[in-house]
Structure formats: structure tokens, C-alpha cells
């Protein structure tokens, strides 16, 4: 997971959006709450500042979220 978090960080640093999908198989789909927690843990591993473009939602195959680079505030 650390490797994937570093890759997501590289994409965010370049200004790209990142879609993170967690595929669930069979009976795993009954535990979507655990999958949501695992996805939140993964998002906390990403060192770059980002914001969720779309919140975590369920998809036909599991869970997904889209993140993008945090916007700079004008001071």
C-alpha cells in the first residue's frame, strides 16, 4: 500500500487527478464498512495535500474515490 500511496503522490504533484478503486469479491461486499475504513487509511498514507473531488462511494465492483491536488488559497 505504501508503494501505491507514493505513486498517487507523484500523480498529484504533477497536477493529475487520481481515482482510487478497491475491488471487493464475493462475500467481501457484505463488509463495505471495513472497506471504507481501509480506503480512509490509504488516503491518510498519501503525503501530498489533496482534496476529495468526490466522496467515497460504492461502485458495482467495490468502493471508489477521486482525489485531486489541493487548491492554493490566496493570501
PDB file of N, CA and C in Angstrom:
ATOM      1  N   UNK A   1       0.820  -1.193   0.000  1.00  0.00           N
ATOM      2  CA  UNK A   1       0.000   0.000   0.000  1.00  0.00           C
ATOM      3  C   UNK A   1       0.865   1.259   0.000  1.00  0.00           C
ATOM      4  N   UNK A   2       2.026   1.182   0.637  1.00  0.00           N
ATOM      5  CA  UNK A   2       2.913   2.345   0.665  1.00  0.00           C
ATOM      6  C   UNK A   2       3.388   2.710  -0.741  1.00  0.00           C
ATOM      7  N   UNK A   3       3.659   1.705  -1.551  1.00  0.00           N
ATOM      8  CA  UNK A   3       4.095   1.955  -2.924  1.00  0.00           C
ATOM      9  C   UNK A   3       3.011   2.656  -3.714  1.00  0.00           C
ATOM     10  N   UNK A   4       1.783   2.191  -3.569  1.00  0.00           N
ATOM     11  CA  UNK A   4       0.664   2.810  -4.286  1.00  0.00           C
ATOM     12  C   UNK A   4       0.425   4.232  -3.789  1.00  0.00           C
ATOM     13  N   UNK A   5       0.614   4.471  -2.491  1.00  0.00           N
ATOM     14  CA  UNK A   5       0.440   5.815  -1.934  1.00  0.00           C
ATOM     15  C   UNK A   5       1.494   6.759  -2.506  1.00  0.00           C
ATOM     16  N   UNK A   6       2.725   6.281  -2.662  1.00  0.00           N
ATOM     17  CA  UNK A   6       3.786   7.110  -3.244  1.00  0.00           C
ATOM     18  C   UNK A   6       3.486   7.423  -4.709  1.00  0.00           C
ATOM     19  N   UNK A   7       2.972   6.441  -5.439  1.00  0.00           N
ATOM     20  CA  UNK A   7       2.602   6.664  -6.842  1.00  0.00           C
ATOM     21  C   UNK A   7       1.483   7.701  -6.951  1.00  0.00           C
ATOM     22  N   UNK A   8       0.489   7.594  -6.082  1.00  0.00           N
ATOM     23  CA  UNK A   8      -0.600   8.571  -6.082  1.00  0.00           C
ATOM     24  C   UNK A   8      -0.054   9.958  -5.778  1.00  0.00           C
ATOM     25  N   UNK A   9       0.912  10.038  -4.854  1.00  0.00           N
ATOM     26  CA  UNK A   9       1.537  11.310  -4.511  1.00  0.00           C
ATOM     27  C   UNK A   9       2.223  11.922  -5.731  1.00  0.00           C
ATOM     28  N   UNK A  10       2.936  11.098  -6.505  1.00  0.00           N
ATOM     29  CA  UNK A  10       3.612  11.594  -7.712  1.00  0.00           C
ATOM     30  C   UNK A  10       2.618  12.150  -8.720  1.00  0.00           C
ATOM     31  N   UNK A  11       1.510  11.445  -8.910  1.00  0.00           N
ATOM     32  CA  UNK A  11       0.488  11.928  -9.845  1.00  0.00           C
ATOM     33  C   UNK A  11      -0.120  13.241  -9.359  1.00  0.00           C
ATOM     34  N   UNK A  12      -0.372  13.346  -8.062  1.00  0.00           N
ATOM     35  CA  UNK A  12      -0.949  14.575  -7.518  1.00  0.00           C
ATOM     36  C   UNK A  12       0.022  15.746  -7.648  1.00  0.00           C
ATOM     37  N   UNK A  13       1.320  15.490  -7.445  1.00  0.00           N
ATOM     38  CA  UNK A  13       2.321  16.550  -7.569  1.00  0.00           C
ATOM     39  C   UNK A  13       2.380  17.098  -8.996  1.00  0.00           C
ATOM     40  N   UNK A  14       2.073  16.243  -9.969  1.00  0.00           N
ATOM     41  CA  UNK A  14       2.067  16.680 -11.376  1.00  0.00           C
ATOM     42  C   UNK A  14       0.775  17.401 -11.744  1.00  0.00           C
ATOM     43  N   UNK A  15      -0.195  17.438 -10.822  1.00  0.00           N
ATOM     44  CA  UNK A  15      -1.454  18.124 -11.079  1.00  0.00           C
ATOM     45  C   UNK A  15      -2.541  17.233 -11.634  1.00  0.00           C
ATOM     46  N   UNK A  16      -2.321  15.927 -11.644  1.00  0.00           N
ATOM     47  CA  UNK A  16      -3.318  15.000 -12.165  1.00  0.00           C
ATOM     48  C   UNK A  16      -4.311  14.591 -11.087  1.00  0.00           C
ATOM     49  N   UNK A  17      -5.465  14.144 -11.521  1.00  0.00           N
ATOM     50  CA  UNK A  17      -6.444  13.575 -10.619  1.00  0.00           C
ATOM     51  C   UNK A  17      -6.140  12.086 -10.453  1.00  0.00           C
ATOM     52  N   UNK A  18      -6.523  11.534  -9.308  1.00  0.00           N
ATOM     53  CA  UNK A  18      -6.280  10.121  -9.043  1.00  0.00           C
ATOM     54  C   UNK A  18      -7.596   9.478  -8.617  1.00  0.00           C
ATOM     55  N   UNK A  19      -7.955   8.408  -9.315  1.00  0.00           N
ATOM     56  CA  UNK A  19      -9.130   7.630  -8.912  1.00  0.00           C
ATOM     57  C   UNK A  19      -8.625   6.376  -8.212  1.00  0.00           C
ATOM     58  N   UNK A  20      -9.086   6.180  -6.999  1.00  0.00           N
ATOM     59  CA  UNK A  20      -8.661   5.029  -6.209  1.00  0.00           C
ATOM     60  C   UNK A  20      -9.845   4.085  -6.111  1.00  0.00           C
ATOM     61  N   UNK A  21      -9.644   2.865  -6.576  1.00  0.00           N
ATOM     62  CA  UNK A  21     -10.694   1.858  -6.553  1.00  0.00           C
ATOM     63  C   UNK A  21     -10.259   0.683  -5.692  1.00  0.00           C
ATOM     64  N   UNK A  22     -11.173   0.190  -4.900  1.00  0.00           N
ATOM     65  CA  UNK A  22     -10.938  -1.013  -4.121  1.00  0.00           C
ATOM     66  C   UNK A  22     -11.963  -2.039  -4.585  1.00  0.00           C
ATOM     67  N   UNK A  23     -11.470  -3.091  -5.203  1.00  0.00           N
ATOM     68  CA  UNK A  23     -12.357  -4.133  -5.704  1.00  0.00           C
ATOM     69  C   UNK A  23     -12.685  -5.112  -4.583  1.00  0.00           C
ATOM     70  N   UNK A  24     -13.946  -5.455  -4.473  1.00  0.00           N
ATOM     71  CA  UNK A  24     -14.404  -6.425  -3.475  1.00  0.00           C
ATOM     72  C   UNK A  24     -14.973  -7.627  -4.207  1.00  0.00           C
ATOM     73  N   UNK A  25     -14.652  -8.812  -3.693  1.00  0.00           N
ATOM     74  CA  UNK A  25     -15.108 -10.042  -4.333  1.00  0.00           C
ATOM     75  C   UNK A  25     -16.065 -10.781  -3.406  1.00  0.00           C
ATOM     76  N   UNK A  26     -17.075 -11.357  -3.983  1.00  0.00           N
ATOM     77  CA  UNK A  26     -17.980 -12.254  -3.267  1.00  0.00           C
ATOM     78  C   UNK A  26     -18.508 -11.705  -1.955  1.00  0.00           C
ATOM     79  N   UNK A  27     -18.222 -12.412  -0.876  1.00  0.00           N
ATOM     80  CA  UNK A  27     -18.734 -12.046   0.445  1.00  0.00           C
ATOM     81  C   UNK A  27     -18.098 -10.782   1.010  1.00  0.00           C
ATOM     82  N   UNK A  28     -17.003 -10.332   0.424  1.00  0.00           N
ATOM     83  CA  UNK A  28     -16.373  -9.096   0.877  1.00  0.00           C
ATOM     84  C   UNK A  28     -17.327  -7.913   0.713  1.00  0.00           C
ATOM     85  N   UNK A  29     -18.229  -7.998  -0.249  1.00  0.00           N
ATOM     86  CA  UNK A  29     -19.170  -6.899  -0.488  1.00  0.00           C
ATOM     87  C   UNK A  29     -20.129  -6.696   0.680  1.00  0.00           C
ATOM     88  N   UNK A  30     -20.263  -7.686   1.551  1.00  0.00           N
ATOM     89  CA  UNK A  30     -21.117  -7.552   2.725  1.00  0.00           C
ATOM     90  C   UNK A  30     -20.456  -6.686   3.797  1.00  0.00           C
ATOM     91  N   UNK A  31     -19.139  -6.436   3.676  1.00  0.00           N
ATOM     92  CA  UNK A  31     -18.405  -5.666   4.683  1.00  0.00           C
ATOM     93  C   UNK A  31     -17.882  -4.355   4.101  1.00  0.00           C
ATOM     94  N   UNK A  32     -18.769  -3.594   3.517  1.00  0.00           N
ATOM     95  CA  UNK A  32     -18.375  -2.325   2.902  1.00  0.00           C
ATOM     96  C   UNK A  32     -17.862  -1.331   3.930  1.00  0.00           C
ATOM     97  N   UNK A  33     -18.324  -1.438   5.184  1.00  0.00           N
ATOM     98  CA  UNK A  33     -17.842  -0.530   6.224  1.00  0.00           C
ATOM     99  C   UNK A  33     -16.350  -0.747   6.482  1.00  0.00           C
ATOM    100  N   UNK A  34     -15.891  -1.988   6.472  1.00  0.00           N
ATOM    101  CA  UNK A  34     -14.468  -2.267   6.643  1.00  0.00           C
ATOM    102  C   UNK A  34     -13.669  -1.790   5.436  1.00  0.00           C
ATOM    103  N   UNK A  35     -14.237  -1.925   4.260  1.00  0.00           N
ATOM    104  CA  UNK A  35     -13.567  -1.447   3.048  1.00  0.00           C
ATOM    105  C   UNK A  35     -13.426   0.073   3.088  1.00  0.00           C
ATOM    106  N   UNK A  36     -14.440   0.776   3.578  1.00  0.00           N
ATOM    107  CA  UNK A  36     -14.384   2.239   3.698  1.00  0.00           C
ATOM    108  C   UNK A  36     -13.265   2.651   4.660  1.00  0.00           C
ATOM    109  N   UNK A  37     -13.149   1.940   5.789  1.00  0.00           N
ATOM    110  CA  UNK A  37     -12.092   2.234   6.751  1.00  0.00           C
ATOM    111  C   UNK A  37     -10.714   2.015   6.121  1.00  0.00           C
ATOM    112  N   UNK A  38     -10.560   0.931   5.388  1.00  0.00           N
ATOM    113  CA  UNK A  38      -9.281   0.620   4.748  1.00  0.00           C
ATOM    114  C   UNK A  38      -8.935   1.689   3.715  1.00  0.00           C
ATOM    115  N   UNK A  39      -9.931   2.170   2.983  1.00  0.00           N
ATOM    116  CA  UNK A  39      -9.709   3.220   1.995  1.00  0.00           C
ATOM    117  C   UNK A  39      -9.314   4.531   2.673  1.00  0.00           C
ATOM    118  N   UNK A  40      -9.931   4.847   3.804  1.00  0.00           N
ATOM    119  CA  UNK A  40      -9.566   6.046   4.569  1.00  0.00           C
ATOM    120  C   UNK A  40      -8.132   5.934   5.079  1.00  0.00           C
ATOM    121  N   UNK A  41      -7.744   4.746   5.544  1.00  0.00           N
ATOM    122  CA  UNK A  41      -6.363   4.527   5.989  1.00  0.00           C
ATOM    123  C   UNK A  41      -5.390   4.766   4.843  1.00  0.00           C
ATOM    124  N   UNK A  42      -5.751   4.299   3.648  1.00  0.00           N
ATOM    125  CA  UNK A  42      -4.899   4.505   2.480  1.00  0.00           C
ATOM    126  C   UNK A  42      -4.775   5.990   2.158  1.00  0.00           C
ATOM    127  N   UNK A  43      -5.876   6.725   2.226  1.00  0.00           N
ATOM    128  CA  UNK A  43      -5.837   8.159   1.939  1.00  0.00           C
ATOM    129  C   UNK A  43      -4.948   8.889   2.941  1.00  0.00           C
ATOM    130  N   UNK A  44      -4.924   8.428   4.189  1.00  0.00           N
ATOM    131  CA  UNK A  44      -4.066   9.043   5.203  1.00  0.00           C
ATOM    132  C   UNK A  44      -2.587   8.758   4.950  1.00  0.00           C
ATOM    133  N   UNK A  45      -2.281   7.732   4.181  1.00  0.00           N
ATOM    134  CA  UNK A  45      -0.891   7.391   3.865  1.00  0.00           C
ATOM    135  C   UNK A  45      -0.302   8.294   2.791  1.00  0.00           C
ATOM    136  N   UNK A  46      -1.132   8.974   2.023  1.00  0.00           N
ATOM    137  CA  UNK A  46      -0.654   9.826   0.930  1.00  0.00           C
ATOM    138  C   UNK A  46      -0.119  11.124   1.527  1.00  0.00           C
ATOM    139  N   UNK A  47       1.179  11.424   1.306  1.00  0.00           N
ATOM    140  CA  UNK A  47       1.786  12.598   1.937  1.00  0.00           C
ATOM    141  C   UNK A  47       1.356  13.949   1.346  1.00  0.00           C
ATOM    142  N   UNK A  48       0.920  13.989   0.115  1.00  0.00           N
ATOM    143  CA  UNK A  48       0.567  15.256  -0.538  1.00  0.00           C
ATOM    144  C   UNK A  48      -0.744  15.811   0.006  1.00  0.00           C
ATOM    145  N   UNK A  49      -0.877  17.141  -0.079  1.00  0.00           N
ATOM    146  CA  UNK A  49      -2.143  17.779   0.271  1.00  0.00           C
ATOM    147  C   UNK A  49      -3.108  17.555  -0.878  1.00  0.00           C
ATOM    148  N   UNK A  50      -4.265  17.020  -0.576  1.00  0.00           N
ATOM    149  CA  UNK A  50      -5.249  16.751  -1.614  1.00  0.00           C
ATOM    150  C   UNK A  50      -6.633  17.002  -1.060  1.00  0.00           C
ATOM    151  N   UNK A  51      -7.583  17.065  -1.957  1.00  0.00           N
ATOM    152  CA  UNK A  51      -8.981  17.156  -1.544  1.00  0.00           C
ATOM    153  C   UNK A  51      -9.773  16.135  -2.345  1.00  0.00           C
ATOM    154  N   UNK A  52     -10.828  15.664  -1.740  1.00  0.00           N
ATOM    155  CA  UNK A  52     -11.674  14.684  -2.416  1.00  0.00           C
ATOM    156  C   UNK A  52     -12.576  15.419  -3.393  1.00  0.00           C
ATOM    157  N   UNK A  53     -12.451  15.068  -4.653  1.00  0.00           N
ATOM    158  CA  UNK A  53     -13.331  15.660  -5.659  1.00  0.00           C
ATOM    159  C   UNK A  53     -14.731  15.074  -5.497  1.00  0.00           C
ATOM    160  N   UNK A  54     -14.753  13.784  -5.264  1.00  0.00           N
ATOM    161  CA  UNK A  54     -15.997  13.086  -4.967  1.00  0.00           C
ATOM    162  C   UNK A  54     -15.746  12.244  -3.733  1.00  0.00           C
ATOM    163  N   UNK A  55     -16.718  12.172  -2.863  1.00  0.00           N
ATOM    164  CA  UNK A  55     -16.560  11.406  -1.641  1.00  0.00           C
ATOM    165  C   UNK A  55     -16.512   9.910  -1.947  1.00  0.00           C
ATOM    166  N   UNK A  56     -16.117   9.124  -0.966  1.00  0.00           N
ATOM    167  CA  UNK A  56     -16.068   7.672  -1.139  1.00  0.00           C
ATOM    168  C   UNK A  56     -17.480   7.175  -1.426  1.00  0.00           C
ATOM    169  N   UNK A  57     -17.600   6.414  -2.499  1.00  0.00           N
ATOM    170  CA  UNK A  57     -18.917   5.870  -2.837  1.00  0.00           C
ATOM    171  C   UNK A  57     -18.761   4.420  -3.262  1.00  0.00           C
ATOM    172  N   UNK A  58     -19.853   3.698  -3.179  1.00  0.00           N
ATOM    173  CA  UNK A  58     -19.782   2.310  -3.615  1.00  0.00           C
ATOM    174  C   UNK A  58     -19.982   2.248  -5.116  1.00  0.00           C
ATOM    175  N   UNK A  59     -19.290   1.315  -5.716  1.00  0.00           N
ATOM    176  CA  UNK A  59     -19.395   1.075  -7.140  1.00  0.00           C
ATOM    177  C   UNK A  59     -19.815  -0.377  -7.320  1.00  0.00           C
ATOM    178  N   UNK A  60     -20.157  -0.767  -8.525  1.00  0.00           N
ATOM    179  CA  UNK A  60     -20.584  -2.158  -8.721  1.00  0.00           C
ATOM    180  C   UNK A  60     -19.540  -3.191  -8.290  1.00  0.00           C
ATOM    181  N   UNK A  61     -18.272  -2.832  -8.373  1.00  0.00           N
ATOM    182  CA  UNK A  61     -17.216  -3.787  -8.012  1.00  0.00           C
ATOM    183  C   UNK A  61     -16.653  -3.577  -6.626  1.00  0.00           C
ATOM    184  N   UNK A  62     -16.995  -2.489  -5.932  1.00  0.00           N
ATOM    185  CA  UNK A  62     -16.437  -2.240  -4.606  1.00  0.00           C
ATOM    186  C   UNK A  62     -16.631  -0.801  -4.179  1.00  0.00           C
ATOM    187  N   UNK A  63     -15.522  -0.106  -3.888  1.00  0.00           N
ATOM    188  CA  UNK A  63     -15.555   1.280  -3.421  1.00  0.00           C
ATOM    189  C   UNK A  63     -14.600   2.103  -4.283  1.00  0.00           C
ATOM    190  N   UNK A  64     -14.907   3.396  -4.427  1.00  0.00           N
ATOM    191  CA  UNK A  64     -14.014   4.263  -5.188  1.00  0.00           C
ATOM    192  C   UNK A  64     -14.086   5.683  -4.672  1.00  0.00           C
ATOM    193  N   UNK A  65     -13.016   6.437  -4.912  1.00  0.00           N
ATOM    194  CA  UNK A  65     -12.936   7.847  -4.552  1.00  0.00           C
ATOM    195  C   UNK A  65     -12.021   8.523  -5.569  1.00  0.00           C
ATOM    196  N   UNK A  66     -12.309   9.784  -5.877  1.00  0.00           N
ATOM    197  CA  UNK A  66     -11.476  10.571  -6.784  1.00  0.00           C
ATOM    198  C   UNK A  66     -10.893  11.720  -5.980  1.00  0.00           C
ATOM    199  N   UNK A  67      -9.553  11.868  -6.048  1.00  0.00           N
ATOM    200  CA  UNK A  67      -8.888  12.945  -5.329  1.00  0.00           C
ATOM    201  C   UNK A  67      -8.126  13.793  -6.328  1.00  0.00           C
ATOM    202  N   UNK A  68      -7.895  15.065  -5.953  1.00  0.00           N
ATOM    203  CA  UNK A  68      -7.115  15.968  -6.783  1.00  0.00           C
ATOM    204  C   UNK A  68      -6.262  16.834  -5.871  1.00  0.00           C
ATOM    205  N   UNK A  69      -5.311  17.529  -6.464  1.00  0.00           N
ATOM    206  CA  UNK A  69      -4.407  18.374  -5.711  1.00  0.00           C
ATOM    207  C   UNK A  69      -5.194  19.480  -5.021  1.00  0.00           C
ATOM    208  N   UNK A  70      -4.817  19.804  -3.779  1.00  0.00           N
ATOM    209  CA  UNK A  70      -5.497  20.861  -3.017  1.00  0.00           C
ATOM    210  C   UNK A  70      -5.261  22.203  -3.698  1.00  0.00           C
ATOM    211  N   UNK A  71      -6.291  23.009  -3.725  1.00  0.00           N
ATOM    212  CA  UNK A  71      -6.188  24.328  -4.332  1.00  0.00           C
ATOM    213  C   UNK A  71      -5.458  25.265  -3.377  1.00  0.00           C
ATOM    214  N   UNK A  72      -4.635  26.149  -3.947  1.00  0.00           N
ATOM    215  CA  UNK A  72      -3.898  27.124  -3.158  1.00  0.00           C
ATOM    216  C   UNK A  72      -4.829  28.257  -2.743  1.00  0.00           C
ATOM    217  N   UNK A  73      -4.713  28.697  -1.502  1.00  0.00           N
ATOM    218  CA  UNK A  73      -5.518  29.824  -1.031  1.00  0.00           C
ATOM    219  C   UNK A  73      -4.746  31.106  -1.266  1.00  0.00           C
ATOM    220  N   UNK A  74      -5.434  32.132  -1.768  1.00  0.00           N
ATOM    221  CA  UNK A  74      -4.802  33.438  -1.983  1.00  0.00           C
ATOM    222  C   UNK A  74      -4.771  34.188  -0.679  1.00  0.00           C
ATOM    223  N   UNK A  75      -3.594  34.694  -0.337  1.00  0.00           N
ATOM    224  CA  UNK A  75      -3.475  35.424   0.934  1.00  0.00           C
ATOM    225  C   UNK A  75      -3.187  36.867   0.690  1.00  0.00           C
TER     226      UNK A  75
END
